[in-house]
Amino acid sequence: MALKQYILIKDTVDNGHAIVATAHASLAGYLKWKDDPIVQIWVKDSFRKVVCRVTQEEFEWAKLLTDSHVMTESSLDNAEVAIVLKPREEWDRRLKFFTLWK
């Protein structure tokens, strides 16, 4: 299985906050879904992550996906900055076209 976790960061977030949001999102996602058998396999066998820079429109679309968790940043007035998606093998095709964070 090629399980991976997606973390989506809004394109309006600066690099410093994006790094922190990515770390927080990955940990929050793990804590939220740690008892799920798929997540346990992901932690043991893969631990792959994909971090993407997304537009506001892409962000709003991703909020509607099953097993998504929105992250806020207190130092940015609790603005929504990231979404973590529970690890899985099969993904909505649109995610493949999101821009990788560089």
N, C-alpha and C. Protein backbone atom coordinates (compact mmCIF):
# COMPACT_ATOMS: atom_id res chain seq x y z
N MET A 1 0.83 -1.19 0.00
CA MET A 1 0.00 0.00 0.00
C MET A 1 0.87 1.25 0.00
N ALA A 2 0.53 2.22 -0.81
CA ALA A 2 1.28 3.49 -0.86
C ALA A 2 0.48 4.57 -0.13
N LEU A 3 0.33 4.41 1.16
CA LEU A 3 -0.44 5.37 1.94
C LEU A 3 0.32 6.68 2.08
N LYS A 4 -0.41 7.80 2.02
CA LYS A 4 0.21 9.09 2.27
C LYS A 4 -0.81 10.05 2.86
N GLN A 5 -0.28 11.00 3.59
CA GLN A 5 -1.07 12.04 4.23
C GLN A 5 -0.87 13.32 3.42
N TYR A 6 -1.96 13.99 3.08
CA TYR A 6 -1.87 15.29 2.42
C TYR A 6 -2.03 16.39 3.45
N ILE A 7 -1.20 17.41 3.32
CA ILE A 7 -1.33 18.63 4.12
C ILE A 7 -1.40 19.78 3.13
N LEU A 8 -2.46 20.54 3.22
CA LEU A 8 -2.70 21.65 2.29
C LEU A 8 -2.55 22.95 3.05
N ILE A 9 -1.69 23.82 2.54
CA ILE A 9 -1.42 25.11 3.17
C ILE A 9 -1.90 26.21 2.21
N LYS A 10 -2.63 27.18 2.75
CA LYS A 10 -3.09 28.29 1.91
C LYS A 10 -1.91 29.05 1.33
N ASP A 11 -2.06 29.48 0.09
CA ASP A 11 -0.98 30.20 -0.59
C ASP A 11 -0.73 31.60 -0.03
N THR A 12 -1.59 32.06 0.86
CA THR A 12 -1.41 33.37 1.49
C THR A 12 -0.56 33.30 2.75
N VAL A 13 -0.21 32.10 3.18
CA VAL A 13 0.57 31.91 4.41
C VAL A 13 2.06 32.03 4.09
N ASP A 14 2.79 32.82 4.88
CA ASP A 14 4.22 32.98 4.65
C ASP A 14 4.96 31.68 5.00
N ASN A 15 6.19 31.55 4.53
CA ASN A 15 6.96 30.32 4.71
C ASN A 15 7.15 29.94 6.18
N GLY A 16 7.42 30.91 7.03
CA GLY A 16 7.62 30.62 8.45
C GLY A 16 6.40 29.98 9.09
N HIS A 17 5.24 30.58 8.86
CA HIS A 17 4.01 30.02 9.41
C HIS A 17 3.65 28.70 8.72
N ALA A 18 4.00 28.56 7.45
CA ALA A 18 3.70 27.32 6.73
C ALA A 18 4.45 26.14 7.33
N ILE A 19 5.70 26.36 7.72
CA ILE A 19 6.48 25.28 8.34
C ILE A 19 5.83 24.84 9.64
N VAL A 20 5.46 25.80 10.46
CA VAL A 20 4.82 25.49 11.74
C VAL A 20 3.47 24.81 11.50
N ALA A 21 2.68 25.34 10.56
CA ALA A 21 1.36 24.77 10.27
C ALA A 21 1.47 23.34 9.77
N THR A 22 2.50 23.06 8.98
CA THR A 22 2.70 21.70 8.48
C THR A 22 2.99 20.73 9.62
N ALA A 23 3.87 21.13 10.52
CA ALA A 23 4.20 20.27 11.67
C ALA A 23 2.97 20.05 12.54
N HIS A 24 2.26 21.13 12.83
CA HIS A 24 1.07 21.01 13.66
C HIS A 24 0.01 20.14 12.98
N ALA A 25 -0.18 20.33 11.68
CA ALA A 25 -1.19 19.56 10.95
C ALA A 25 -0.88 18.07 10.96
N SER A 26 0.36 17.72 10.72
CA SER A 26 0.72 16.30 10.69
C SER A 26 0.47 15.66 12.06
N LEU A 27 0.90 16.32 13.11
CA LEU A 27 0.70 15.77 14.45
C LEU A 27 -0.79 15.73 14.82
N ALA A 28 -1.51 16.80 14.52
CA ALA A 28 -2.95 16.84 14.83
C ALA A 28 -3.69 15.74 14.09
N GLY A 29 -3.32 15.52 12.83
CA GLY A 29 -3.95 14.45 12.07
C GLY A 29 -3.67 13.09 12.67
N TYR A 30 -2.43 12.88 13.06
CA TYR A 30 -2.09 11.60 13.69
C TYR A 30 -2.90 11.41 14.98
N LEU A 31 -2.92 12.44 15.83
CA LEU A 31 -3.64 12.32 17.09
C LEU A 31 -5.15 12.10 16.88
N LYS A 32 -5.69 12.74 15.87
CA LYS A 32 -7.13 12.61 15.59
C LYS A 32 -7.48 11.21 15.12
N TRP A 33 -6.63 10.62 14.27
CA TRP A 33 -6.97 9.34 13.65
C TRP A 33 -6.07 8.19 14.07
N LYS A 34 -5.33 8.32 15.16
CA LYS A 34 -4.32 7.33 15.54
C LYS A 34 -4.87 5.93 15.77
N ASP A 35 -6.13 5.80 16.13
CA ASP A 35 -6.71 4.48 16.38
C ASP A 35 -7.26 3.82 15.12
N ASP A 36 -7.26 4.54 14.01
CA ASP A 36 -7.73 3.98 12.74
C ASP A 36 -6.68 2.99 12.22
N PRO A 37 -7.09 1.78 11.83
CA PRO A 37 -6.13 0.78 11.35
C PRO A 37 -5.30 1.24 10.16
N ILE A 38 -5.88 2.01 9.27
CA ILE A 38 -5.13 2.52 8.11
C ILE A 38 -4.02 3.47 8.57
N VAL A 39 -4.32 4.33 9.53
CA VAL A 39 -3.32 5.26 10.05
C VAL A 39 -2.21 4.50 10.74
N GLN A 40 -2.54 3.45 11.45
CA GLN A 40 -1.52 2.63 12.10
C GLN A 40 -0.59 1.98 11.07
N ILE A 41 -1.15 1.54 9.96
CA ILE A 41 -0.31 0.99 8.88
C ILE A 41 0.57 2.10 8.29
N TRP A 42 -0.02 3.29 8.08
CA TRP A 42 0.73 4.43 7.53
C TRP A 42 1.93 4.77 8.41
N VAL A 43 1.72 4.82 9.71
CA VAL A 43 2.81 5.15 10.64
C VAL A 43 3.91 4.09 10.58
N LYS A 44 3.51 2.84 10.53
CA LYS A 44 4.46 1.73 10.57
C LYS A 44 5.20 1.54 9.24
N ASP A 45 4.48 1.63 8.13
CA ASP A 45 5.06 1.24 6.84
C ASP A 45 5.41 2.37 5.89
N SER A 46 4.85 3.52 6.06
CA SER A 46 5.03 4.56 5.04
C SER A 46 5.45 5.90 5.62
N PHE A 47 4.56 6.51 6.37
CA PHE A 47 4.74 7.83 6.97
C PHE A 47 4.97 8.91 5.90
N ARG A 48 4.52 8.65 4.68
CA ARG A 48 4.66 9.62 3.59
C ARG A 48 3.69 10.78 3.77
N LYS A 49 4.19 11.96 3.38
CA LYS A 49 3.37 13.16 3.43
C LYS A 49 3.56 13.94 2.14
N VAL A 50 2.52 14.62 1.71
CA VAL A 50 2.58 15.52 0.57
C VAL A 50 2.07 16.87 1.06
N VAL A 51 2.88 17.91 0.90
CA VAL A 51 2.49 19.25 1.34
C VAL A 51 2.27 20.10 0.09
N CYS A 52 1.08 20.67 -0.02
CA CYS A 52 0.72 21.45 -1.20
C CYS A 52 0.34 22.88 -0.82
N ARG A 53 0.63 23.79 -1.72
CA ARG A 53 0.21 25.19 -1.62
C ARG A 53 -1.11 25.30 -2.39
N VAL A 54 -2.17 25.77 -1.72
CA VAL A 54 -3.48 25.80 -2.35
C VAL A 54 -4.09 27.19 -2.32
N THR A 55 -4.93 27.44 -3.30
CA THR A 55 -5.68 28.69 -3.35
C THR A 55 -6.85 28.62 -2.36
N GLN A 56 -7.48 29.75 -2.14
CA GLN A 56 -8.66 29.78 -1.27
C GLN A 56 -9.74 28.85 -1.81
N GLU A 57 -9.94 28.85 -3.11
CA GLU A 57 -10.95 27.98 -3.73
C GLU A 57 -10.62 26.50 -3.50
N GLU A 58 -9.38 26.12 -3.69
CA GLU A 58 -8.96 24.73 -3.46
C GLU A 58 -9.12 24.37 -1.98
N PHE A 59 -8.79 25.31 -1.11
CA PHE A 59 -8.91 25.11 0.33
C PHE A 59 -10.36 24.83 0.71
N GLU A 60 -11.27 25.64 0.20
CA GLU A 60 -12.70 25.47 0.51
C GLU A 60 -13.20 24.12 -0.01
N TRP A 61 -12.75 23.71 -1.18
CA TRP A 61 -13.13 22.41 -1.73
C TRP A 61 -12.63 21.29 -0.81
N ALA A 62 -11.38 21.39 -0.37
CA ALA A 62 -10.77 20.34 0.46
C ALA A 62 -11.45 20.22 1.82
N LYS A 63 -12.01 21.31 2.32
CA LYS A 63 -12.71 21.26 3.60
C LYS A 63 -13.90 20.31 3.55
N LEU A 64 -14.41 20.05 2.36
CA LEU A 64 -15.57 19.19 2.20
C LEU A 64 -15.20 17.71 2.06
N LEU A 65 -13.92 17.41 1.94
CA LEU A 65 -13.50 16.01 1.79
C LEU A 65 -13.71 15.23 3.08
N THR A 66 -13.97 13.97 2.93
CA THR A 66 -14.10 13.08 4.09
C THR A 66 -12.76 13.01 4.81
N ASP A 67 -12.81 12.99 6.12
CA ASP A 67 -11.61 12.87 6.96
C ASP A 67 -10.61 13.98 6.71
N SER A 68 -11.12 15.21 6.75
CA SER A 68 -10.24 16.39 6.69
C SER A 68 -10.34 17.12 8.02
N HIS A 69 -9.26 17.80 8.36
CA HIS A 69 -9.22 18.54 9.62
C HIS A 69 -8.57 19.90 9.36
N VAL A 70 -9.30 20.97 9.66
CA VAL A 70 -8.82 22.33 9.41
C VAL A 70 -7.98 22.80 10.60
N MET A 71 -6.86 23.43 10.28
CA MET A 71 -5.95 23.97 11.30
C MET A 71 -6.00 25.49 11.25
N THR A 72 -5.94 26.10 12.43
CA THR A 72 -5.88 27.56 12.52
C THR A 72 -4.54 27.95 13.14
N GLU A 73 -4.21 29.23 13.01
CA GLU A 73 -2.95 29.72 13.57
C GLU A 73 -3.25 30.89 14.49
N SER A 74 -2.95 30.73 15.77
CA SER A 74 -3.26 31.76 16.77
C SER A 74 -2.53 33.07 16.50
N SER A 75 -1.30 32.99 15.99
CA SER A 75 -0.54 34.22 15.74
C SER A 75 -1.03 34.97 14.50
N LEU A 76 -1.97 34.37 13.78
CA LEU A 76 -2.60 35.03 12.62
C LEU A 76 -4.09 35.23 12.89
N ASP A 77 -4.41 35.61 14.12
CA ASP A 77 -5.80 35.86 14.53
C ASP A 77 -6.70 34.65 14.31
N ASN A 78 -6.16 33.47 14.57
CA ASN A 78 -6.90 32.21 14.43
C ASN A 78 -7.43 31.97 13.02
N ALA A 79 -6.71 32.48 12.04
CA ALA A 79 -7.08 32.26 10.64
C ALA A 79 -6.89 30.79 10.28
N GLU A 80 -7.75 30.29 9.39
CA GLU A 80 -7.58 28.94 8.85
C GLU A 80 -6.38 28.97 7.91
N VAL A 81 -5.41 28.11 8.16
CA VAL A 81 -4.18 28.14 7.37
C VAL A 81 -3.86 26.81 6.69
N ALA A 82 -4.38 25.71 7.23
CA ALA A 82 -4.01 24.40 6.71
C ALA A 82 -5.14 23.39 6.88
N ILE A 83 -5.06 22.36 6.07
CA ILE A 83 -5.96 21.21 6.19
C ILE A 83 -5.09 19.97 6.14
N VAL A 84 -5.34 19.05 7.05
CA VAL A 84 -4.68 17.75 7.00
C VAL A 84 -5.74 16.72 6.62
N LEU A 85 -5.36 15.83 5.72
CA LEU A 85 -6.25 14.77 5.28
C LEU A 85 -5.75 13.43 5.79
N LYS A 86 -6.66 12.63 6.31
CA LYS A 86 -6.28 11.33 6.87
C LYS A 86 -5.59 10.48 5.79
N PRO A 87 -4.49 9.83 6.15
CA PRO A 87 -3.78 8.99 5.18
C PRO A 87 -4.71 7.95 4.55
N ARG A 88 -4.48 7.74 3.28
CA ARG A 88 -5.23 6.72 2.52
C ARG A 88 -4.45 6.39 1.27
N GLU A 89 -4.87 5.35 0.61
CA GLU A 89 -4.19 4.92 -0.61
C GLU A 89 -4.77 5.60 -1.84
N GLU A 90 -6.06 5.72 -1.90
CA GLU A 90 -6.74 6.31 -3.05
C GLU A 90 -7.17 7.73 -2.74
N TRP A 91 -6.87 8.65 -3.66
CA TRP A 91 -7.18 10.06 -3.46
C TRP A 91 -8.03 10.60 -4.58
N ASP A 92 -8.78 11.64 -4.30
CA ASP A 92 -9.50 12.35 -5.35
C ASP A 92 -8.47 12.84 -6.36
N ARG A 93 -8.75 12.64 -7.59
CA ARG A 93 -7.83 12.96 -8.69
C ARG A 93 -7.37 14.42 -8.69
N ARG A 94 -8.21 15.32 -8.24
CA ARG A 94 -7.87 16.75 -8.26
C ARG A 94 -6.65 17.06 -7.40
N LEU A 95 -6.43 16.29 -6.34
CA LEU A 95 -5.28 16.54 -5.47
C LEU A 95 -3.96 16.41 -6.21
N LYS A 96 -3.91 15.56 -7.22
CA LYS A 96 -2.67 15.35 -7.98
C LYS A 96 -2.23 16.60 -8.73
N PHE A 97 -3.15 17.52 -8.94
CA PHE A 97 -2.86 18.73 -9.70
C PHE A 97 -2.57 19.95 -8.81
N PHE A 98 -2.62 19.76 -7.50
CA PHE A 98 -2.28 20.85 -6.60
C PHE A 98 -0.77 21.09 -6.64
N THR A 99 -0.36 22.31 -6.39
CA THR A 99 1.05 22.69 -6.42
C THR A 99 1.76 22.23 -5.16
N LEU A 100 2.89 21.55 -5.33
CA LEU A 100 3.68 21.15 -4.16
C LEU A 100 4.29 22.38 -3.52
N TRP A 101 4.37 22.39 -2.20
CA TRP A 101 4.99 23.51 -1.47
C TRP A 101 6.49 23.43 -1.69
N LYS A 102 7.10 24.51 -2.12
CA LYS A 102 8.55 24.55 -2.35
C LYS A 102 9.16 25.70 -1.60
